[in-house]
């Protein structure tokens, strides 16, 4: 269990969750992609590991409190040293308003199953609280148990490959990914039994999708009040390519893990709504 230290961070925050200072251009996409508007997804982080004295991007993630990041369990490897890049748009440039923070502790779901790809979720406690700003903000968490309807418009963001086998993106990408409901995604010519109720599918049109390097990043979906929620965590896709027809990207459904997040120390984020992100 994590110690409950989030309250102090939330009290220090001044802005509400899921409301970027720079509004996103909602016409862009990931694979086949165009660049996202800089800093329009200010909760997006770059998870990086150290190899040969060089920091390398490996996965995305979502800032959900001033010192907590949500990502995928499959992004975490024992023995690696990690850091988190916040407020980034271009990974190869030094940017004003961005910073890198070390990692204190990583909590991988105790029932993570890499063979069946089950419970693909992890929580990273940062080595320090970050000051929220125009370029660094937190995403909202969804209400426990809620499920989005077929074709609900969401956006995946990340620095993953621009196309199957292509290069990792320098600039943050985004893509419209309509939700595919559970009944459709579990059909035999879609994902079948690979997809469980604790997952959410999005995309599958054969054109736009998440890709390698986007793992762990958010599926951003807008709530009725206009704020953005992290509804999914990029988990897996088709081995045939990043934009395979009827093989949408599959995400860990965050609303299925609210109890786990509560038990892992983020009780105040969910139980005191007026303090969420500030």
Protein backbone atom coordinates (compact mmCIF):
# COMPACT_ATOMS: atom_id res chain seq x y z
CA UNK A 1 0.00 0.00 0.00
CA UNK A 2 1.11 3.54 -0.62
CA UNK A 3 1.12 6.10 2.13
CA UNK A 4 -1.61 8.66 1.62
CA UNK A 5 0.44 11.69 0.67
CA UNK A 6 -1.67 12.88 -2.21
CA UNK A 7 -3.82 15.27 -0.17
CA UNK A 8 -0.99 17.73 0.32
CA UNK A 9 -0.34 17.72 -3.40
CA UNK A 10 -3.98 18.34 -4.18
CA UNK A 11 -4.26 21.18 -1.73
CA UNK A 12 -1.34 22.86 -3.45
CA UNK A 13 -2.90 22.61 -6.89
CA UNK A 14 -4.79 25.55 -8.33
CA UNK A 15 -6.51 24.28 -11.49
CA UNK A 16 -9.23 21.71 -12.09
CA UNK A 17 -8.44 18.37 -13.68
CA UNK A 18 -8.80 17.64 -17.36
CA UNK A 19 -8.98 21.24 -18.56
CA UNK A 20 -5.95 22.17 -20.70
CA UNK A 21 -4.82 25.76 -21.04
CA UNK A 22 -4.24 25.13 -24.75
CA UNK A 23 -7.28 23.49 -26.32
CA UNK A 24 -6.54 20.47 -28.52
CA UNK A 25 -7.12 20.47 -32.26
CA UNK A 26 -9.53 17.55 -32.46
CA UNK A 27 -9.01 16.82 -36.15
CA UNK A 28 -5.58 15.16 -35.93
CA UNK A 29 -4.60 11.50 -35.64
CA UNK A 30 -1.81 9.13 -34.50
CA UNK A 31 -0.84 6.44 -37.04
CA UNK A 32 -0.68 8.12 -40.42
CA UNK A 33 -0.44 11.09 -38.18
CA UNK A 34 -0.32 14.73 -37.60
CA UNK A 35 1.11 16.57 -34.65
CA UNK A 36 -1.00 17.45 -31.64
CA UNK A 37 -1.23 21.10 -30.69
CA UNK A 38 1.69 21.66 -28.28
CA UNK A 39 0.71 21.21 -24.62
CA UNK A 40 -2.95 20.54 -25.40
CA UNK A 41 -2.71 17.20 -23.54
CA UNK A 42 -0.71 18.48 -20.53
CA UNK A 43 -1.18 15.29 -18.46
CA UNK A 44 0.61 13.16 -21.09
CA UNK A 45 4.00 11.98 -19.84
CA UNK A 46 6.96 10.21 -21.43
CA UNK A 47 8.22 7.24 -19.43
CA UNK A 48 11.94 6.83 -20.12
CA UNK A 49 14.61 4.34 -19.08
CA UNK A 50 18.38 4.65 -18.85
CA UNK A 51 20.52 2.59 -21.22
CA UNK A 52 24.17 3.21 -22.11
CA UNK A 53 24.03 6.58 -20.36
CA UNK A 54 21.13 7.66 -22.61
CA UNK A 55 17.52 8.19 -21.62
CA UNK A 56 15.14 6.44 -24.05
CA UNK A 57 11.39 6.83 -24.42
CA UNK A 58 9.61 3.53 -23.83
CA UNK A 59 5.96 4.30 -22.97
CA UNK A 60 3.41 6.96 -22.29
CA UNK A 61 1.44 7.60 -19.15
CA UNK A 62 -0.99 10.01 -17.49
CA UNK A 63 -0.39 12.42 -14.64
CA UNK A 64 -3.36 12.00 -12.26
CA UNK A 65 -2.00 13.86 -9.21
CA UNK A 66 1.01 16.06 -8.61
CA UNK A 67 3.21 13.03 -7.87
CA UNK A 68 1.34 10.06 -9.35
CA UNK A 69 1.33 8.69 -12.90
CA UNK A 70 -0.88 5.98 -14.37
CA UNK A 71 0.66 3.67 -16.99
CA UNK A 72 0.60 0.06 -18.22
CA UNK A 73 2.10 -2.82 -16.26
CA UNK A 74 3.77 -4.17 -19.40
CA UNK A 75 5.80 -0.97 -19.62
CA UNK A 76 7.66 -1.84 -16.42
CA UNK A 77 10.76 -4.07 -16.32
CA UNK A 78 12.65 -5.09 -13.19
CA UNK A 79 16.13 -3.64 -12.90
CA UNK A 80 15.57 -0.60 -15.11
CA UNK A 81 16.05 2.94 -13.95
CA UNK A 82 13.17 5.20 -14.97
CA UNK A 83 12.37 8.87 -15.14
CA UNK A 84 9.24 10.74 -16.22
CA UNK A 85 9.15 13.61 -18.71
CA UNK A 86 6.38 16.13 -18.01
CA UNK A 87 5.22 19.11 -20.03
CA UNK A 88 6.85 17.67 -23.14
CA UNK A 89 5.76 18.14 -26.73
CA UNK A 90 8.97 17.41 -28.67
CA UNK A 91 11.09 14.68 -27.08
CA UNK A 92 14.32 15.73 -28.78
CA UNK A 93 14.22 19.42 -27.83
CA UNK A 94 14.76 21.29 -24.60
CA UNK A 95 11.41 22.98 -24.01
CA UNK A 96 10.39 25.73 -21.65
CA UNK A 97 7.85 24.49 -19.14
CA UNK A 98 8.97 20.87 -19.28
CA UNK A 99 10.89 18.88 -16.69
CA UNK A 100 12.14 15.39 -15.88
CA UNK A 101 11.44 13.79 -12.54
CA UNK A 102 12.82 10.62 -11.00
CA UNK A 103 10.72 7.71 -9.78
CA UNK A 104 10.19 6.86 -6.12
CA UNK A 105 8.14 3.66 -6.32
CA UNK A 106 6.31 1.70 -9.01
CA UNK A 107 3.23 -0.32 -8.08
CA UNK A 108 2.30 -2.95 -10.66
CA UNK A 109 -1.11 -4.58 -10.28
CA UNK A 110 -0.68 -7.70 -8.17
CA UNK A 111 -2.68 -9.78 -10.67
CA UNK A 112 -0.86 -8.55 -13.78
CA UNK A 113 -0.64 -11.48 -16.21
CA UNK A 114 1.74 -10.85 -19.10
CA UNK A 115 0.76 -14.05 -20.93
CA UNK A 116 -2.97 -13.33 -21.05
CA UNK A 117 -2.49 -9.53 -20.86
CA UNK A 118 -4.76 -9.12 -17.88
CA UNK A 119 -4.73 -6.25 -15.33
CA UNK A 120 -2.30 -4.24 -17.41
CA UNK A 121 -2.05 -1.27 -15.07
CA UNK A 122 0.64 0.31 -12.90
CA UNK A 123 0.90 3.37 -10.69
CA UNK A 124 4.14 5.37 -10.49
CA UNK A 125 4.90 7.51 -7.47
CA UNK A 126 7.24 10.31 -8.51
CA UNK A 127 10.29 11.28 -6.47
CA UNK A 128 8.81 14.75 -5.95
CA UNK A 129 5.61 16.71 -6.35
CA UNK A 130 5.48 18.68 -9.59
CA UNK A 131 4.13 22.18 -9.77
CA UNK A 132 1.15 22.33 -12.08
CA UNK A 133 1.26 24.93 -14.85
CA UNK A 134 0.00 25.64 -18.36
CA UNK A 135 2.18 22.78 -19.66
CA UNK A 136 1.83 20.32 -16.77
CA UNK A 137 -1.66 19.44 -15.58
CA UNK A 138 -3.57 16.39 -14.39
CA UNK A 139 -6.27 14.37 -16.09
CA UNK A 140 -9.55 13.48 -14.42
CA UNK A 141 -10.35 9.91 -13.45
CA UNK A 142 -13.71 8.43 -14.49
CA UNK A 143 -16.44 7.31 -12.14
CA UNK A 144 -16.03 3.69 -11.06
CA UNK A 145 -17.70 1.11 -13.27
CA UNK A 146 -18.82 3.46 -16.02
CA UNK A 147 -18.68 2.24 -19.62
CA UNK A 148 -18.78 4.38 -22.75
CA UNK A 149 -21.20 3.70 -25.60
CA UNK A 150 -20.37 2.48 -29.10
CA UNK A 151 -18.70 5.19 -31.22
CA UNK A 152 -18.11 7.56 -28.30
CA UNK A 153 -15.34 9.86 -29.60
CA UNK A 154 -12.05 9.56 -27.71
CA UNK A 155 -8.47 10.49 -28.54
CA UNK A 156 -5.31 8.49 -28.06
CA UNK A 157 -2.07 10.42 -27.62
CA UNK A 158 1.58 9.43 -27.66
CA UNK A 159 5.02 9.43 -29.23
CA UNK A 160 4.69 5.94 -30.70
CA UNK A 161 5.61 4.84 -34.21
CA UNK A 162 4.11 6.97 -36.97
CA UNK A 163 3.27 3.82 -38.95
CA UNK A 164 3.84 0.08 -38.62
CA UNK A 165 7.60 -0.41 -38.47
CA UNK A 166 8.15 3.34 -38.82
CA UNK A 167 10.07 5.75 -36.61
CA UNK A 168 9.09 6.91 -33.15
CA UNK A 169 7.54 10.37 -33.28
CA UNK A 170 9.52 13.37 -32.04
CA UNK A 171 6.39 15.47 -31.52
CA UNK A 172 3.34 14.31 -29.60
CA UNK A 173 0.68 12.77 -31.84
CA UNK A 174 -3.06 12.37 -31.32
CA UNK A 175 -5.78 10.39 -33.03
CA UNK A 176 -9.55 10.10 -32.96
CA UNK A 177 -10.45 6.64 -31.68
CA UNK A 178 -14.20 5.96 -31.41
CA UNK A 179 -15.08 3.41 -28.75
CA UNK A 180 -15.96 -0.10 -29.93
CA UNK A 181 -18.42 -1.62 -27.49
CA UNK A 182 -17.71 -4.92 -25.72
CA UNK A 183 -20.29 -6.89 -27.71
CA UNK A 184 -18.66 -5.87 -31.00
CA UNK A 185 -15.04 -6.16 -29.93
CA UNK A 186 -15.51 -9.69 -28.61
CA UNK A 187 -16.94 -11.01 -31.87
CA UNK A 188 -14.87 -13.80 -33.39
CA UNK A 189 -13.67 -11.72 -36.35
CA UNK A 190 -12.64 -8.89 -34.01
CA UNK A 191 -10.72 -9.75 -30.81
CA UNK A 192 -12.91 -12.55 -29.50
CA UNK A 193 -12.14 -13.82 -26.00
CA UNK A 194 -8.88 -11.86 -25.82
CA UNK A 195 -10.92 -8.88 -24.63
CA UNK A 196 -12.41 -8.91 -21.12
CA UNK A 197 -14.88 -6.64 -19.34
CA UNK A 198 -11.98 -4.76 -17.74
CA UNK A 199 -10.77 -3.59 -21.16
CA UNK A 200 -12.08 -1.09 -23.68
CA UNK A 201 -11.53 -1.17 -27.45
CA UNK A 202 -11.26 1.92 -29.63
CA UNK A 203 -10.59 2.40 -33.32
CA UNK A 204 -10.40 -0.58 -35.68
CA UNK A 205 -11.09 1.28 -38.93
CA UNK A 206 -7.80 0.08 -40.43
CA UNK A 207 -6.50 3.63 -40.82
CA UNK A 208 -5.85 5.30 -37.42
CA UNK A 209 -4.52 3.56 -34.33
CA UNK A 210 -2.11 3.57 -31.44
CA UNK A 211 1.26 1.97 -32.18
CA UNK A 212 4.46 0.78 -30.51
CA UNK A 213 5.67 3.43 -28.08
CA UNK A 214 2.14 4.64 -27.31
CA UNK A 215 1.72 1.90 -24.68
CA UNK A 216 0.77 3.12 -21.24
CA UNK A 217 -0.60 6.38 -22.59
CA UNK A 218 -4.13 7.66 -22.18
CA UNK A 219 -7.34 7.20 -24.08
CA UNK A 220 -8.73 10.70 -23.52
CA UNK A 221 -12.50 11.04 -23.47
CA UNK A 222 -14.45 14.22 -22.73
CA UNK A 223 -17.02 14.25 -19.93
CA UNK A 224 -20.33 16.09 -20.05
CA UNK A 225 -18.83 19.03 -18.16
CA UNK A 226 -16.14 19.45 -20.82
CA UNK A 227 -13.23 18.08 -18.79
CA UNK A 228 -11.08 15.23 -20.11
CA UNK A 229 -10.90 11.85 -18.38
CA UNK A 230 -8.35 9.08 -18.83
CA UNK A 231 -10.73 6.28 -19.79
CA UNK A 232 -8.13 3.82 -21.01
CA UNK A 233 -4.46 2.87 -20.84
CA UNK A 234 -2.92 1.69 -24.13
CA UNK A 235 -2.39 -2.06 -23.62
CA UNK A 236 -2.10 -4.09 -26.83
CA UNK A 237 -2.85 -4.22 -30.55
CA UNK A 238 -2.64 -6.57 -33.50
CA UNK A 239 0.59 -8.34 -34.37
CA UNK A 240 -0.33 -7.74 -38.01
CA UNK A 241 0.24 -4.00 -37.72
CA UNK A 242 -0.80 -0.86 -35.90
CA UNK A 243 -3.83 -0.08 -38.04
CA UNK A 244 -5.43 -3.45 -38.80
CA UNK A 245 -9.11 -3.50 -39.73
CA UNK A 246 -11.33 -4.98 -36.99
CA UNK A 247 -8.36 -5.13 -34.61
CA UNK A 248 -8.78 -1.90 -32.64
CA UNK A 249 -6.28 -0.90 -30.00
CA UNK A 250 -7.19 -2.47 -26.67
CA UNK A 251 -6.95 -0.39 -23.51
CA UNK A 252 -7.09 -1.18 -19.82
CA UNK A 253 -10.45 0.28 -18.76
CA UNK A 254 -9.57 2.70 -15.98
CA UNK A 255 -13.10 2.79 -14.56
CA UNK A 256 -12.73 -0.93 -13.74
CA UNK A 257 -9.73 -0.21 -11.50
CA UNK A 258 -10.89 2.72 -9.37
CA UNK A 259 -10.99 0.52 -6.25
CA UNK A 260 -7.42 -0.60 -6.94
CA UNK A 261 -6.30 3.00 -7.36
CA UNK A 262 -8.11 3.89 -4.11
CA UNK A 263 -6.36 1.09 -2.26
CA UNK A 264 -3.03 2.17 -3.72
CA UNK A 265 -3.16 5.54 -2.00
CA UNK A 266 -5.18 7.90 -4.21
CA UNK A 267 -8.24 7.90 -1.96
CA UNK A 268 -8.32 11.70 -1.76
CA UNK A 269 -8.37 12.14 -5.52
CA UNK A 270 -11.63 10.25 -5.77
CA UNK A 271 -13.34 10.84 -2.44
CA UNK A 272 -12.87 14.60 -2.30
CA UNK A 273 -13.94 15.77 -5.80
CA UNK A 274 -13.43 19.46 -5.03
CA UNK A 275 -9.75 18.69 -4.39
CA UNK A 276 -9.17 16.56 -7.48
CA UNK A 277 -6.22 18.22 -9.20
CA UNK A 278 -6.65 21.17 -7.00
